[in-house]
Protein backbone atom coordinates (compact mmCIF):
# COMPACT_ATOMS: atom_id res chain seq x y z
CA MET A 1 -26.15 -15.98 0.40
CA LYS A 2 -28.63 -18.26 2.20
CA ASN A 3 -28.74 -20.55 -0.83
CA LYS A 4 -24.95 -20.92 -0.84
CA ILE A 5 -24.94 -21.74 2.86
CA TRP A 6 -27.74 -24.26 2.37
CA GLU A 7 -25.86 -25.92 -0.48
CA ARG A 8 -22.91 -26.44 1.85
CA LYS A 9 -24.96 -27.45 4.88
CA TYR A 10 -23.39 -30.92 5.15
CA GLU A 11 -19.85 -29.61 4.87
CA ILE A 12 -20.54 -26.92 7.47
CA LEU A 13 -22.17 -29.48 9.76
CA LEU A 14 -19.14 -31.74 9.47
CA ILE A 15 -16.60 -29.04 10.32
CA ILE A 16 -18.72 -27.89 13.28
CA LEU A 17 -19.04 -31.48 14.49
CA PHE A 18 -15.31 -32.17 14.26
CA MET A 19 -14.42 -28.82 15.85
CA PHE A 20 -16.73 -29.71 18.72
CA MET A 21 -15.16 -33.17 19.04
CA SER A 22 -11.63 -31.75 19.00
CA VAL A 23 -12.31 -28.98 21.50
CA THR A 24 -14.25 -31.13 23.96
CA ALA A 25 -11.74 -34.00 23.78
CA CYS A 26 -8.60 -31.89 24.24
CA SER A 27 -7.00 -31.30 27.61
CA ARG A 28 -7.12 -27.80 29.06
CA TYR A 29 -4.46 -28.43 31.68
CA THR A 30 -2.03 -31.19 30.74
CA ILE A 31 0.78 -31.16 28.20
CA ASN A 32 2.74 -34.06 26.83
CA PHE A 33 6.52 -34.26 26.80
CA ASP A 34 7.04 -32.39 23.50
CA GLU A 35 4.30 -29.82 24.14
CA PHE A 36 6.07 -28.85 27.34
CA TYR A 37 9.10 -27.63 25.39
CA THR A 38 6.91 -25.65 22.99
CA MET A 39 5.14 -23.81 25.81
CA GLN A 40 8.31 -23.39 27.84
CA TRP A 41 10.08 -21.75 24.89
CA CYS A 42 7.07 -19.50 24.29
CA ARG A 43 7.49 -17.90 27.71
CA SER A 44 11.30 -17.74 27.68
CA SER A 45 13.28 -14.62 26.74
CA LEU A 46 13.86 -13.96 23.05
CA PRO A 47 17.59 -14.88 23.14
CA ASP A 48 16.81 -18.13 24.98
CA PHE A 49 13.96 -18.83 22.57
CA LEU A 50 16.19 -18.40 19.51
CA HIS A 51 18.92 -20.54 21.06
CA GLU A 52 16.54 -23.40 21.88
CA VAL A 53 14.80 -23.32 18.49
CA LEU A 54 18.08 -23.41 16.61
CA HIS A 55 19.28 -26.36 18.69
CA ASP A 56 16.08 -28.37 18.56
CA THR A 57 15.59 -31.18 16.05
CA SER A 58 12.72 -29.51 14.20
CA PRO A 59 12.61 -26.55 11.80
CA PHE A 60 11.80 -23.15 13.23
CA LEU A 61 8.58 -21.95 11.54
CA TYR A 62 5.94 -23.35 13.87
CA TYR A 63 7.67 -21.94 16.94
CA PHE A 64 7.82 -18.49 15.35
CA MET A 65 4.09 -18.78 14.63
CA ILE A 66 2.95 -20.07 18.02
CA ARG A 67 5.13 -17.81 20.22
CA PRO A 68 3.38 -14.46 19.50
CA PHE A 69 -0.01 -16.20 19.67
CA ALA A 70 0.87 -17.73 23.04
CA ILE A 71 2.09 -14.37 24.36
CA LEU A 72 -1.09 -12.60 23.21
CA THR A 73 -3.28 -15.25 24.85
CA GLY A 74 -1.47 -15.22 28.17
CA GLN A 75 0.41 -18.51 27.68
CA ASN A 76 -2.92 -20.31 28.01
CA ILE A 77 -2.55 -24.00 27.16
CA PHE A 78 -6.10 -24.33 25.86
CA MET A 79 -5.71 -21.34 23.52
CA ALA A 80 -2.39 -22.73 22.28
CA ARG A 81 -4.23 -25.93 21.39
CA LEU A 82 -6.85 -24.01 19.45
CA PHE A 83 -4.07 -22.51 17.32
CA SER A 84 -3.75 -25.90 15.62
CA LEU A 85 -7.43 -25.79 14.66
CA ALA A 86 -6.66 -22.92 12.29
CA ALA A 87 -4.60 -25.38 10.22
CA LEU A 88 -7.50 -27.81 10.42
CA CYS A 89 -9.72 -25.15 8.80
CA ILE A 90 -7.24 -24.91 5.90
CA LEU A 91 -7.53 -28.66 5.38
CA PHE A 92 -11.32 -28.30 5.44
CA LEU A 93 -11.24 -25.56 2.79
CA ILE A 94 -9.07 -27.76 0.56
CA GLY A 95 -11.84 -30.35 0.69
CA THR A 96 -14.81 -28.05 0.14
CA GLY A 97 -12.97 -25.98 -2.46
CA PHE A 98 -10.35 -27.85 -4.46
CA VAL A 99 -11.53 -31.45 -4.04
CA LYS A 100 -15.21 -30.71 -4.59
CA LYS A 101 -14.51 -28.53 -7.64
CA HIS A 102 -12.20 -30.96 -9.41
CA PHE A 103 -13.37 -34.41 -8.29
CA GLY A 104 -16.95 -34.01 -7.11
CA GLN A 105 -18.99 -34.14 -3.93
CA LYS A 106 -18.43 -37.87 -3.28
CA ALA A 107 -14.68 -37.31 -3.31
CA MET A 108 -15.06 -34.34 -0.97
CA PHE A 109 -16.96 -36.35 1.65
CA PHE A 110 -14.51 -39.23 1.37
CA TYR A 111 -11.60 -36.81 1.85
CA LEU A 112 -13.21 -35.06 4.84
CA GLY A 113 -14.19 -38.38 6.41
CA ILE A 114 -10.84 -40.13 6.13
CA LEU A 115 -8.92 -36.97 7.05
CA TYR A 116 -10.99 -35.77 10.01
CA LEU A 117 -12.24 -39.01 11.52
CA ASN A 118 -9.14 -41.20 11.46
CA PRO A 119 -7.70 -42.29 14.83
CA PHE A 120 -4.72 -39.91 14.95
CA MET A 121 -6.46 -36.70 13.91
CA LEU A 122 -8.46 -36.17 17.11
CA GLN A 123 -5.20 -36.09 19.07
CA LYS A 124 -3.14 -34.04 16.62
CA SER A 125 -5.90 -31.55 15.79
CA THR A 126 -5.33 -29.75 19.09
CA GLU A 127 -1.78 -30.78 19.98
CA ILE A 128 0.63 -27.94 20.64
CA ARG A 129 3.01 -29.15 17.97
CA MET A 130 3.80 -28.45 14.34
CA TYR A 131 2.27 -31.50 12.68
CA LEU A 132 -1.09 -30.08 11.65
CA TRP A 133 0.43 -26.90 10.24
CA ALA A 134 3.05 -28.93 8.37
CA THR A 135 0.20 -31.04 6.98
CA ALA A 136 -1.74 -27.96 5.85
CA PHE A 137 1.29 -26.56 4.00
CA THR A 138 2.01 -29.99 2.49
CA LEU A 139 -1.53 -30.41 1.16
CA LEU A 140 -1.53 -26.87 -0.23
CA SER A 141 1.65 -27.83 -2.07
CA GLY A 142 -0.18 -30.89 -3.37
CA VAL A 143 -3.05 -28.71 -4.60
CA PHE A 144 -0.74 -26.44 -6.57
CA CYS A 145 1.17 -29.46 -7.86
CA TYR A 146 -2.09 -30.56 -9.49
CA LEU A 147 -2.69 -27.08 -10.90
CA LEU A 148 0.83 -27.02 -12.33
CA LEU A 149 0.24 -30.32 -14.08
CA THR A 150 -3.12 -29.26 -15.52
CA ALA A 151 -2.85 -25.48 -15.94
CA PRO A 152 0.69 -24.18 -15.31
CA THR A 153 0.82 -20.43 -14.72
CA ARG A 154 3.27 -18.09 -13.03
CA LYS A 155 0.87 -17.74 -10.09
CA ASN A 156 0.68 -21.52 -9.62
CA TRP A 157 4.46 -21.86 -9.76
CA THR A 158 4.78 -19.08 -7.18
CA PHE A 159 2.29 -20.60 -4.75
CA PHE A 160 3.71 -24.09 -5.18
CA THR A 161 7.19 -22.81 -4.33
CA LEU A 162 5.87 -20.79 -1.39
CA PHE A 163 3.91 -23.60 0.24
CA SER A 164 6.71 -26.09 -0.43
CA LEU A 165 9.10 -23.86 1.48
CA LEU A 166 6.62 -23.29 4.30
CA SER A 167 6.15 -27.04 4.73
CA ALA A 168 9.93 -27.60 4.64
CA TYR A 169 10.39 -24.87 7.26
CA THR A 170 7.92 -26.70 9.52
CA HIS A 171 9.11 -30.33 9.58
CA TYR A 172 11.97 -32.35 8.12
CA TYR A 173 9.70 -35.16 6.94
CA ALA A 174 7.76 -32.53 5.00
CA VAL A 175 11.05 -31.90 3.18
CA LEU A 176 11.13 -35.57 2.17
CA THR A 177 7.51 -35.32 1.06
CA MET A 178 8.27 -32.29 -1.12
CA VAL A 179 10.99 -34.28 -2.91
CA PHE A 180 8.30 -36.57 -4.37
CA LEU A 181 6.16 -33.63 -5.53
CA TYR A 182 9.13 -31.93 -7.21
CA LEU A 183 10.23 -35.17 -8.88
CA GLY A 184 6.66 -35.85 -9.99
CA ILE A 185 6.46 -32.50 -11.75
CA LEU A 186 9.93 -33.00 -13.28
CA PHE A 187 9.11 -36.44 -14.71
CA TYR A 188 5.85 -35.12 -16.13
CA GLN A 189 7.58 -32.24 -17.93
CA LEU A 190 10.24 -34.60 -19.24
CA GLY A 191 7.60 -37.06 -20.40
CA THR A 192 5.59 -34.39 -22.21
CA ARG A 193 8.77 -32.66 -23.44
CA ASN A 194 7.43 -29.31 -22.33
CA THR A 195 10.58 -27.16 -22.57
CA LYS A 196 8.95 -24.02 -21.21
CA GLN A 197 7.60 -25.68 -18.08
CA LEU A 198 10.83 -27.60 -17.60
CA LYS A 199 12.61 -24.24 -17.47
CA ASN A 200 10.06 -23.04 -14.93
CA TRP A 201 10.70 -26.17 -12.87
CA LEU A 202 14.42 -25.43 -12.85
CA ILE A 203 13.78 -21.86 -11.68
CA CYS A 204 11.37 -23.08 -9.01
CA SER A 205 13.84 -25.71 -7.79
CA ALA A 206 16.73 -23.22 -7.74
CA VAL A 207 14.70 -20.75 -5.69
CA THR A 208 13.65 -23.52 -3.31
CA VAL A 209 17.21 -24.76 -2.80
CA LEU A 210 18.62 -21.27 -2.28
CA ALA A 211 15.86 -20.28 0.14
CA TYR A 212 16.19 -23.49 2.13
CA PHE A 213 19.97 -23.87 2.03
CA PRO A 214 20.73 -21.84 5.22
CA PHE A 215 18.21 -23.97 7.11
CA LEU A 216 19.67 -27.12 5.61
CA LEU A 217 22.95 -26.21 7.33
CA ILE A 218 21.03 -25.73 10.58
CA ALA A 219 19.35 -29.10 10.05
CA ILE A 220 22.71 -30.81 9.58
CA ALA A 221 24.03 -29.17 12.76
CA GLN A 222 20.92 -30.23 14.70
CA ILE A 223 21.16 -33.82 13.48
CA LYS A 224 24.85 -33.95 14.47
CA GLU A 225 24.01 -32.65 17.95
CA SER A 226 21.23 -35.20 18.45
CA ASN A 227 21.85 -38.92 18.77
CA GLY A 228 18.20 -39.72 18.01
CA ASN A 229 18.03 -42.13 20.97
CA TRP A 230 14.31 -41.44 21.43
CA ILE A 231 13.58 -43.38 18.22
CA GLN A 232 13.47 -47.03 19.19
CA LYS A 233 13.50 -49.94 16.76
CA PRO A 234 9.86 -50.70 15.88
CA GLY A 235 8.25 -54.05 16.54
CA SER A 236 7.69 -54.57 12.82
CA ARG A 237 8.73 -52.82 9.63
CA LEU A 238 5.33 -51.14 9.17
CA GLU A 239 4.79 -50.46 12.87
CA PRO A 240 5.24 -46.63 12.66
CA LEU A 241 2.62 -46.48 9.90
CA LYS A 242 0.22 -48.82 11.67
CA GLU A 243 0.46 -46.88 14.94
CA LEU A 244 -1.28 -43.91 13.35
CA PHE A 245 -4.46 -45.92 12.86
CA VAL A 246 -4.64 -48.01 16.02
CA SER A 247 -7.98 -47.52 17.77
CA GLU A 248 -10.30 -49.22 20.23
CA ILE A 249 -11.63 -51.30 17.32
CA PRO A 250 -9.29 -54.30 16.79
CA TYR A 251 -7.35 -54.30 13.53
CA SER A 252 -8.62 -50.87 12.48
CA GLU A 253 -5.07 -50.07 11.35
CA TYR A 254 -5.29 -52.80 8.71
CA PHE A 255 -8.54 -51.35 7.40
CA TYR A 256 -6.83 -48.02 6.71
CA LEU A 257 -3.66 -49.58 5.29
CA LEU A 258 -5.60 -51.84 2.94
CA LEU A 259 -7.73 -48.90 1.84
CA MET A 260 -4.63 -46.80 1.15
CA ALA A 261 -2.94 -49.61 -0.77
CA ALA A 262 -6.06 -50.50 -2.77
CA PHE A 263 -6.67 -46.92 -3.90
CA THR A 264 -2.99 -46.51 -4.80
CA VAL A 265 -3.14 -49.61 -7.00
CA PHE A 266 -6.39 -48.39 -8.56
CA SER A 267 -4.76 -45.06 -9.44
CA LEU A 268 -1.79 -46.86 -10.95
CA VAL A 269 -4.00 -49.09 -13.09
CA ALA A 270 -6.19 -46.13 -14.13
CA PHE A 271 -3.13 -44.12 -15.15
CA LEU A 272 -1.60 -46.97 -17.14
CA LYS A 273 -4.91 -47.53 -18.88
CA LYS A 274 -6.08 -43.96 -19.50
CA ARG A 275 -2.82 -41.95 -19.34
CA GLN A 276 -4.65 -39.04 -17.73
CA VAL A 277 -2.81 -36.38 -15.77
CA THR A 278 -5.30 -36.64 -12.91
CA TYR A 279 -4.22 -40.20 -12.11
CA TYR A 280 -0.58 -39.30 -12.57
CA TRP A 281 -1.00 -36.60 -9.90
CA SER A 282 -2.75 -39.14 -7.69
CA LEU A 283 0.24 -41.48 -7.99
CA VAL A 284 2.65 -38.65 -7.18
CA CYS A 285 0.71 -37.86 -3.99
CA CYS A 286 0.53 -41.54 -3.04
CA SER A 287 4.21 -42.18 -3.77
CA ALA A 288 5.44 -40.00 -0.91
CA ILE A 289 4.27 -42.18 1.99
CA TRP A 290 5.25 -45.45 0.33
CA GLY A 291 8.64 -44.05 -0.70
CA ILE A 292 9.38 -42.55 2.72
CA THR A 293 8.29 -45.75 4.46
CA ALA A 294 10.55 -47.84 2.23
CA PHE A 295 13.45 -45.44 2.89
CA GLY A 296 12.81 -45.58 6.64
CA ILE A 297 12.73 -49.39 6.66
CA VAL A 298 15.97 -49.73 4.68
CA PHE A 299 17.77 -47.00 6.68
CA GLY A 300 16.54 -48.54 9.93
CA GLU A 301 17.90 -51.94 8.95
CA LEU A 302 21.27 -50.65 7.72
CA VAL A 303 21.96 -47.74 10.07
CA LYS A 304 19.42 -46.91 12.80
CA PRO A 305 15.65 -46.30 13.17
CA VAL A 306 14.57 -42.88 11.90
CA MET A 307 10.77 -43.20 11.71
CA LEU A 308 8.15 -42.31 14.28
CA SER A 309 4.46 -42.55 13.52
CA ARG A 310 3.88 -38.82 13.93
CA TYR A 311 6.61 -38.05 11.37
CA LEU A 312 4.48 -39.78 8.72
CA ILE A 313 1.37 -37.64 9.16
CA MET A 314 2.23 -35.23 6.33
CA PRO A 315 2.76 -37.84 3.57
CA VAL A 316 -0.20 -39.89 4.85
CA CYS A 317 -2.56 -36.91 4.57
CA LEU A 318 -1.11 -36.08 1.15
CA LEU A 319 -2.04 -39.62 0.14
CA PHE A 320 -5.60 -39.00 1.41
CA LEU A 321 -5.75 -36.00 -0.92
CA GLY A 322 -4.31 -38.02 -3.80
CA LEU A 323 -6.95 -40.75 -3.43
CA THR A 324 -9.82 -38.41 -4.26
CA PRO A 325 -9.75 -38.77 -8.09
CA ALA A 326 -10.43 -42.50 -7.75
CA VAL A 327 -13.43 -41.97 -5.45
CA LYS A 328 -15.63 -40.61 -8.25
CA HIS A 329 -15.66 -44.12 -9.75
CA LEU A 330 -17.15 -45.65 -6.58
CA PRO A 331 -20.91 -46.08 -6.08
CA LYS A 332 -22.27 -43.42 -3.75
CA TYR A 333 -23.52 -46.06 -1.31
CA LEU A 334 -20.04 -47.53 -1.01
CA VAL A 335 -18.65 -44.04 -0.32
CA LEU A 336 -21.37 -43.59 2.31
CA LEU A 337 -20.44 -46.94 3.86
CA LEU A 338 -16.77 -45.94 4.03
CA PHE A 339 -17.70 -42.57 5.55
CA LEU A 340 -19.80 -44.32 8.21
CA ALA A 341 -16.86 -46.63 8.97
CA PHE A 342 -14.61 -43.58 9.44
CA ALA A 343 -17.28 -41.99 11.65
CA LEU A 344 -17.60 -45.14 13.79
CA ILE A 345 -13.85 -45.42 14.38
CA GLY A 346 -13.53 -41.68 15.02
CA GLY A 347 -16.57 -41.65 17.32
CA ILE A 348 -15.24 -44.49 19.47
CA ARG A 349 -11.86 -42.78 19.68
CA TYR A 350 -13.62 -39.54 20.67
CA ARG A 351 -15.53 -41.32 23.41
CA SER A 352 -12.31 -42.77 24.80
CA ALA A 353 -10.54 -39.39 24.69
CA ALA A 354 -13.49 -37.62 26.33
CA SER A 355 -13.66 -40.26 29.08
CA SER A 356 -9.93 -39.89 29.81
CA LEU A 357 -10.33 -36.12 29.97
CA LYS A 358 -13.28 -36.42 32.35
CA GLU A 359 -11.24 -38.60 34.70
CA ASP A 360 -8.18 -36.34 34.62
CA GLN A 361 -7.62 -34.46 37.88
CA THR A 362 -4.61 -32.35 36.92
CA VAL A 363 -6.63 -29.22 37.72
CA ASN A 364 -6.70 -30.29 41.39
CA THR A 365 -2.90 -30.35 41.39
CA LEU A 366 -2.80 -26.82 39.99
CA HIS A 367 -5.24 -25.58 42.64
CA PHE A 368 -3.19 -27.25 45.36
CA ALA A 369 0.02 -25.63 44.11
CA GLN A 370 -1.61 -22.20 44.00
CA GLU A 371 -2.90 -22.51 47.55
CA HIS A 372 0.03 -24.20 49.30
CA ILE A 373 3.31 -23.84 47.40
CA GLU A 374 4.75 -20.37 47.84
CA GLU A 375 7.55 -18.39 46.21
CA GLN A 376 10.94 -20.10 46.53
CA ASP A 377 9.51 -23.18 48.21
CA LYS A 378 11.60 -26.24 47.44
CA ILE A 379 10.31 -29.36 45.63
CA VAL A 380 12.37 -32.54 45.64
CA LEU A 381 11.98 -35.24 42.99
CA VAL A 382 13.75 -38.55 42.60
CA SER A 383 15.66 -38.42 39.30
CA GLY A 384 14.41 -40.55 36.46
CA ASP A 385 11.02 -39.17 35.47
CA ASP A 386 11.54 -36.17 33.22
CA TYR A 387 7.80 -35.78 32.59
CA LEU A 388 7.12 -35.10 36.27
CA TYR A 389 10.05 -32.68 36.39
CA ASN A 390 8.83 -30.86 33.26
CA CYS A 391 5.28 -30.52 34.55
CA ALA A 392 6.39 -29.37 37.98
CA SER A 393 8.74 -26.75 36.51
CA TYR A 394 6.06 -25.49 34.09
CA TYR A 395 3.01 -25.44 36.35
CA ILE A 396 4.77 -24.41 39.57
CA PRO A 397 7.33 -21.82 38.42
CA GLN A 398 7.42 -20.14 41.83
CA ALA A 399 9.17 -23.15 43.39
CA GLU A 400 12.77 -24.34 43.23
CA LEU A 401 13.14 -27.89 41.90
CA TYR A 402 15.80 -30.37 43.01
CA TYR A 403 16.67 -33.79 41.63
CA VAL A 404 18.07 -36.41 44.01
CA GLY A 405 19.41 -39.82 43.11
CA ALA A 406 17.93 -41.46 46.20
CA PHE A 407 15.57 -40.52 49.03
CA ASN A 408 16.48 -41.51 52.56
CA ALA A 409 16.74 -39.97 56.01
CA GLN A 410 20.54 -39.73 56.12
CA LEU A 411 20.76 -37.71 52.88
CA ILE A 412 18.01 -35.37 54.03
CA LEU A 413 19.68 -34.70 57.37
CA GLU A 414 23.06 -34.10 55.76
CA ASP A 415 21.63 -31.56 53.29
CA GLU A 416 21.82 -28.21 55.05
CA SER A 417 20.25 -26.24 52.19
CA ARG A 418 16.70 -27.53 52.76
CA SER A 419 15.13 -27.39 56.24
CA GLU A 420 11.62 -27.76 54.80
CA PHE A 421 10.57 -28.96 51.37
CA TRP A 422 7.88 -30.63 49.31
CA PHE A 423 8.36 -34.15 48.00
CA PHE A 424 6.51 -35.42 44.93
CA ASP A 425 6.63 -39.21 45.19
CA ASN A 426 5.66 -41.10 42.03
CA GLY A 427 7.40 -44.37 42.92
CA ASN A 428 6.78 -45.12 46.61
CA TYR A 429 10.25 -43.86 47.45
CA LEU A 430 9.29 -42.45 50.85
CA ASN A 431 9.87 -44.72 53.87
CA ARG A 432 7.73 -43.06 56.50
CA GLU A 433 8.98 -45.11 59.45
CA GLU A 434 12.63 -44.43 58.62
CA LEU A 435 12.12 -40.69 58.23
CA GLU A 436 10.05 -40.34 61.39
CA ALA A 437 12.64 -42.33 63.34
CA ALA A 438 15.24 -39.76 62.21
CA GLY A 439 13.08 -36.99 63.68
CA LEU A 440 11.66 -35.67 60.42
CA THR A 441 8.08 -34.38 60.35
CA ILE A 442 6.01 -35.70 57.46
CA GLU A 443 2.72 -34.20 56.38
CA ALA A 444 0.81 -36.12 53.69
CA PHE A 445 -1.56 -34.30 51.33
CA GLY A 446 -2.79 -37.28 49.30
CA GLU A 447 -2.57 -38.37 45.66
CA TYR A 448 -2.38 -35.90 42.79
CA GLN A 449 -1.96 -36.11 39.04
CA PHE A 450 -0.09 -34.59 36.09
CA GLY A 451 -1.60 -36.06 32.92
CA TYR A 452 -0.97 -39.80 32.89
CA LEU A 453 1.28 -39.63 35.98
CA PHE A 454 0.03 -40.07 39.58
CA PHE A 455 2.07 -39.17 42.64
CA GLN A 456 1.82 -38.47 46.37
CA ILE A 457 2.58 -35.02 47.78
CA TYR A 458 4.34 -34.69 51.14
CA ARG A 459 5.77 -31.77 53.09
CA ILE A 460 8.86 -32.74 55.06
CA THR A 461 10.37 -30.66 57.86
CA LYS A 462 13.69 -31.25 59.59
CA PRO A 463 13.99 -31.09 63.39
CA VAL A 464 15.07 -27.69 64.72
């Protein structure tokens, strides 16, 4: 047992290191806009939860997974973040198991380095969203796609179908990614004229379509309900893809894109030259991100933008997996150099994330709310900043929240429903002289913070 652990000492050290980086760089108190909805639904009633999930613009599976975990852990934000690390462990096992076994140790370290230490992974590894779980299911589908091409068995067909469905149940862009894996297997069976496996593909595809069809109807209904106005036209055609790799090091995104493109071309040339199934599988895995990106660019030009950087995480990570067969042809010192480059970019990103976390004072806001804001106290916000409203409603559930279109003395005096209230001012809306001239008492408590948002807290009392 000790010998086995010692043989894997570098892999174990890497997973411990990245776990440490993820945990120490993730926020224990703040939630972003999308995470708010996840946590809010987790503490809602079951009927409300089902209604919201069915009317959201994402498939249901992640929410059904995170809700019982969140309930068992007391709706703790930090524990909900750690739930994503379980998916990260699956990705690690793919590297130390599948990649190392089939493509060697160099390929394993390349895979772990580019997957764990890229700029977006530190953020997503502990985000309370579905992306890491969708990635884990997608890469497991990619693993069994390889096994089906090299050693098709009933077990491999079963697991490929299962993980394909799980990924499709987790994100709609995972559905697009699965299309490329299914087509890759189909073209291979047609090219080899393997009638038996072609029949198995038809059975697998029929099961997949039937199992997903009810949720396809839900997806269509969700898309019709949503206008997708949160997806803005990108600054350039490859902007959503480049955004994943932006870091504190200038032009780091081009380093990753060139690496992805170069390895894809290498796999294409190797397949055309050697006609080996390994390089065919590599091309299938690589084709997803390039195909989805091309589709997104064309659809964005002809209809409307449909790509966000985070939507591309699943096919990008599948490409990382697909690059591993080519790595065995690289000199070990070049692989080491690439790994060190990944570590440098990831380390600088970690330092930036840890510094931001150290400066965050959201915890002071929570302590203030616990000490001063009582049950059924009223909080007034000027309409326009939904993030402030979301945070206030989530972190201060004992209070009643009110949106106003403007903030002036006349409106306050005319409103008979609030004789005393709190005002969270994130835009210098309060005119102290005007309010005091109207006889209102203003008590200032200083500046506070919710994540990236800073605001002043006041308590305002009307004259008796």
